[in-house]
Amino acid sequence: MSYAHSHTPTYSQANDKVTQMNSLSMVMGKAVKNGYRESFKVGAEGLIPQSNPSQHYDPLQIQVVNFYRFEGESDPGDECILYQIETSDGLKGLLVDAYGPYADDLTTVFMQRVETIHKKLSKGFGKAEA
């Protein structure tokens, strides 16, 4: 299954189509209703589903379907980003991370690698390396 679909949007810009969903819990609830039920985290091995911690995915094995940024109105510590992710074997789920100074370093580096790989693939540079 290929994840370099031409109809898949890149995620260099935050989604502005869901501005009425202004809270993290509302967006997460909608994503779960749409089948994104897994909770992911990033570890040294890659993206890890919480339902199966022995499984992990490298950046070539995931596609970011969408992402949403949330800004804290009074506290920068409330700023976070929610990624809707689908893996190469069809697992759908969510990854939440702070952004800015409170971002998790492993998650930031991993997601930068994902974005770089998918940009190269979408521009037709052939195989990208994780």
C-alpha atoms as a PDB file:
ATOM      1  CA  MET A   1       0.000   0.000   0.000  1.00  0.00           C
ATOM      2  CA  SER A   2       1.512   3.316  -1.063  1.00  0.00           C
ATOM      3  CA  TYR A   3       1.098   6.439   1.012  1.00  0.00           C
ATOM      4  CA  ALA A   4       2.395   8.956  -1.513  1.00  0.00           C
ATOM      5  CA  HIS A   5      -1.132   9.632  -2.802  1.00  0.00           C
ATOM      6  CA  SER A   6      -1.524  12.714  -4.913  1.00  0.00           C
ATOM      7  CA  HIS A   7      -4.774  13.565  -3.111  1.00  0.00           C
ATOM      8  CA  THR A   8      -3.136  13.444   0.306  1.00  0.00           C
ATOM      9  CA  PRO A   9      -2.410  16.970   1.495  1.00  0.00           C
ATOM     10  CA  THR A  10       1.000  17.923   2.742  1.00  0.00           C
ATOM     11  CA  TYR A  11       1.004  19.182   6.279  1.00  0.00           C
ATOM     12  CA  SER A  12       3.116  22.283   6.026  1.00  0.00           C
ATOM     13  CA  GLN A  13       0.099  24.388   6.993  1.00  0.00           C
ATOM     14  CA  ALA A  14      -2.315  23.798   9.836  1.00  0.00           C
ATOM     15  CA  ASN A  15      -5.809  22.720   8.874  1.00  0.00           C
ATOM     16  CA  ASP A  16      -8.116  25.720   8.848  1.00  0.00           C
ATOM     17  CA  LYS A  17     -11.251  23.823   7.785  1.00  0.00           C
ATOM     18  CA  VAL A  18     -12.198  22.870  11.332  1.00  0.00           C
ATOM     19  CA  THR A  19     -12.015  26.251  13.007  1.00  0.00           C
ATOM     20  CA  GLN A  20     -15.305  25.595  14.807  1.00  0.00           C
ATOM     21  CA  MET A  21     -13.605  22.712  16.628  1.00  0.00           C
ATOM     22  CA  ASN A  22     -11.472  24.820  18.879  1.00  0.00           C
ATOM     23  CA  SER A  23     -10.667  22.377  21.659  1.00  0.00           C
ATOM     24  CA  LEU A  24      -8.339  19.422  21.608  1.00  0.00           C
ATOM     25  CA  SER A  25     -10.983  17.155  23.132  1.00  0.00           C
ATOM     26  CA  MET A  26     -13.544  18.071  20.452  1.00  0.00           C
ATOM     27  CA  VAL A  27     -11.139  17.351  17.594  1.00  0.00           C
ATOM     28  CA  MET A  28      -9.966  14.114  19.214  1.00  0.00           C
ATOM     29  CA  GLY A  29     -13.569  12.993  19.671  1.00  0.00           C
ATOM     30  CA  LYS A  30     -14.345  13.644  16.004  1.00  0.00           C
ATOM     31  CA  ALA A  31     -11.169  11.796  14.927  1.00  0.00           C
ATOM     32  CA  VAL A  32     -12.068   8.771  17.067  1.00  0.00           C
ATOM     33  CA  LYS A  33     -15.540   8.716  15.490  1.00  0.00           C
ATOM     34  CA  ASN A  34     -13.784   8.671  12.110  1.00  0.00           C
ATOM     35  CA  GLY A  35     -11.759   5.586  13.041  1.00  0.00           C
ATOM     36  CA  TYR A  36      -8.590   7.115  14.521  1.00  0.00           C
ATOM     37  CA  ARG A  37      -8.788   5.076  17.719  1.00  0.00           C
ATOM     38  CA  GLU A  38      -5.150   4.216  18.451  1.00  0.00           C
ATOM     39  CA  SER A  39      -3.003   6.374  20.734  1.00  0.00           C
ATOM     40  CA  PHE A  40       0.566   6.694  19.538  1.00  0.00           C
ATOM     41  CA  LYS A  41       3.732   7.837  21.232  1.00  0.00           C
ATOM     42  CA  VAL A  42       7.261   8.251  19.900  1.00  0.00           C
ATOM     43  CA  GLY A  43      10.139   6.304  21.403  1.00  0.00           C
ATOM     44  CA  ALA A  44      13.723   5.636  20.391  1.00  0.00           C
ATOM     45  CA  GLU A  45      12.459   2.824  18.110  1.00  0.00           C
ATOM     46  CA  GLY A  46       9.962   5.036  16.260  1.00  0.00           C
ATOM     47  CA  LEU A  47       6.197   5.498  16.447  1.00  0.00           C
ATOM     48  CA  ILE A  48       4.675   3.117  18.991  1.00  0.00           C
ATOM     49  CA  PRO A  49       0.975   2.206  19.327  1.00  0.00           C
ATOM     50  CA  GLN A  50      -0.014   2.119  22.980  1.00  0.00           C
ATOM     51  CA  SER A  51      -2.146  -0.980  22.376  1.00  0.00           C
ATOM     52  CA  ASN A  52       0.936  -2.917  21.219  1.00  0.00           C
ATOM     53  CA  PRO A  53       4.178  -1.443  22.644  1.00  0.00           C
ATOM     54  CA  SER A  54       6.310  -4.114  20.971  1.00  0.00           C
ATOM     55  CA  GLN A  55       5.258  -2.779  17.529  1.00  0.00           C
ATOM     56  CA  HIS A  56       6.967   0.277  16.086  1.00  0.00           C
ATOM     57  CA  TYR A  57       6.889   2.200  12.827  1.00  0.00           C
ATOM     58  CA  ASP A  58       9.624   4.185  11.140  1.00  0.00           C
ATOM     59  CA  PRO A  59       8.882   7.431   9.267  1.00  0.00           C
ATOM     60  CA  LEU A  60       8.461   5.617   5.941  1.00  0.00           C
ATOM     61  CA  GLN A  61       5.655   3.529   7.415  1.00  0.00           C
ATOM     62  CA  ILE A  62       3.347   6.355   8.427  1.00  0.00           C
ATOM     63  CA  GLN A  63       1.257   8.969   6.702  1.00  0.00           C
ATOM     64  CA  VAL A  64       0.070  12.106   8.456  1.00  0.00           C
ATOM     65  CA  VAL A  65      -3.489  12.482   7.245  1.00  0.00           C
ATOM     66  CA  ASN A  66      -4.044  15.791   9.011  1.00  0.00           C
ATOM     67  CA  PHE A  67      -2.824  17.851  11.907  1.00  0.00           C
ATOM     68  CA  TYR A  68      -4.226  20.557  14.163  1.00  0.00           C
ATOM     69  CA  ARG A  69      -2.472  23.141  16.302  1.00  0.00           C
ATOM     70  CA  PHE A  70      -3.959  24.460  19.497  1.00  0.00           C
ATOM     71  CA  GLU A  71      -2.733  27.605  21.200  1.00  0.00           C
ATOM     72  CA  GLY A  72      -3.174  28.307  24.881  1.00  0.00           C
ATOM     73  CA  GLU A  73      -4.920  31.607  25.386  1.00  0.00           C
ATOM     74  CA  SER A  74      -2.946  32.556  28.476  1.00  0.00           C
ATOM     75  CA  ASP A  75      -0.337  29.831  28.979  1.00  0.00           C
ATOM     76  CA  PRO A  76       2.216  28.835  26.311  1.00  0.00           C
ATOM     77  CA  GLY A  77       2.388  25.476  28.107  1.00  0.00           C
ATOM     78  CA  ASP A  78      -1.088  24.756  26.723  1.00  0.00           C
ATOM     79  CA  GLU A  79       0.131  24.826  23.112  1.00  0.00           C
ATOM     80  CA  CYS A  80      -0.015  21.446  21.408  1.00  0.00           C
ATOM     81  CA  ILE A  81      -0.315  19.732  18.078  1.00  0.00           C
ATOM     82  CA  LEU A  82      -2.514  16.739  17.235  1.00  0.00           C
ATOM     83  CA  TYR A  83      -1.496  14.465  14.360  1.00  0.00           C
ATOM     84  CA  GLN A  84      -3.968  12.101  12.668  1.00  0.00           C
ATOM     85  CA  ILE A  85      -1.835   9.180  11.513  1.00  0.00           C
ATOM     86  CA  GLU A  86      -2.333   6.090   9.391  1.00  0.00           C
ATOM     87  CA  THR A  87       0.329   3.390   9.326  1.00  0.00           C
ATOM     88  CA  SER A  88       1.384   1.276   6.345  1.00  0.00           C
ATOM     89  CA  ASP A  89      -0.575  -1.682   7.760  1.00  0.00           C
ATOM     90  CA  GLY A  90      -3.786   0.361   8.154  1.00  0.00           C
ATOM     91  CA  LEU A  91      -3.683   1.288  11.854  1.00  0.00           C
ATOM     92  CA  LYS A  92      -5.289   4.694  12.433  1.00  0.00           C
ATOM     93  CA  GLY A  93      -4.611   6.809  15.462  1.00  0.00           C
ATOM     94  CA  LEU A  94      -3.576  10.038  17.096  1.00  0.00           C
ATOM     95  CA  LEU A  95      -0.330  11.508  18.364  1.00  0.00           C
ATOM     96  CA  VAL A  96      -0.383  14.572  20.604  1.00  0.00           C
ATOM     97  CA  ASP A  97       2.670  16.672  21.398  1.00  0.00           C
ATOM     98  CA  ALA A  98       3.358  20.054  22.883  1.00  0.00           C
ATOM     99  CA  TYR A  99       5.010  22.514  20.568  1.00  0.00           C
ATOM    100  CA  GLY A 100       7.399  25.315  21.146  1.00  0.00           C
ATOM    101  CA  PRO A 101       9.703  25.089  24.146  1.00  0.00           C
ATOM    102  CA  TYR A 102       7.673  22.266  25.724  1.00  0.00           C
ATOM    103  CA  ALA A 103       7.780  19.928  22.698  1.00  0.00           C
ATOM    104  CA  ASP A 104       9.159  16.425  23.175  1.00  0.00           C
ATOM    105  CA  ASP A 105      12.527  16.180  21.387  1.00  0.00           C
ATOM    106  CA  LEU A 106      12.009  12.599  20.149  1.00  0.00           C
ATOM    107  CA  THR A 107       8.590  13.434  18.736  1.00  0.00           C
ATOM    108  CA  THR A 108       9.801  16.631  17.090  1.00  0.00           C
ATOM    109  CA  VAL A 109      12.727  14.909  15.355  1.00  0.00           C
ATOM    110  CA  PHE A 110      10.583  11.943  14.285  1.00  0.00           C
ATOM    111  CA  MET A 111       7.842  14.133  12.803  1.00  0.00           C
ATOM    112  CA  GLN A 112      10.430  16.297  11.000  1.00  0.00           C
ATOM    113  CA  ARG A 113      11.793  13.114   9.405  1.00  0.00           C
ATOM    114  CA  VAL A 114       8.265  12.091   8.371  1.00  0.00           C
ATOM    115  CA  GLU A 115       7.622  15.481   6.788  1.00  0.00           C
ATOM    116  CA  THR A 116      10.987  15.498   4.963  1.00  0.00           C
ATOM    117  CA  ILE A 117      10.456  11.995   3.567  1.00  0.00           C
ATOM    118  CA  HIS A 118       6.954  12.705   2.336  1.00  0.00           C
ATOM    119  CA  LYS A 119       8.003  16.009   0.756  1.00  0.00           C
ATOM    120  CA  LYS A 120      10.715  14.159  -1.190  1.00  0.00           C
ATOM    121  CA  LEU A 121       8.292  11.431  -2.247  1.00  0.00           C
ATOM    122  CA  SER A 122       5.626  13.912  -3.338  1.00  0.00           C
ATOM    123  CA  LYS A 123       8.179  15.768  -5.470  1.00  0.00           C
ATOM    124  CA  GLY A 124       9.110  12.546  -7.231  1.00  0.00           C
ATOM    125  CA  PHE A 125      12.582  12.024  -5.815  1.00  0.00           C
ATOM    126  CA  GLY A 126      11.999   8.256  -5.750  1.00  0.00           C
ATOM    127  CA  LYS A 127      12.820   6.304  -2.645  1.00  0.00           C
ATOM    128  CA  ALA A 128      13.368   8.294   0.489  1.00  0.00           C
ATOM    129  CA  GLU A 129      15.364   6.924   3.357  1.00  0.00           C
ATOM    130  CA  ALA A 130      14.247   6.886   6.962  1.00  0.00           C
END
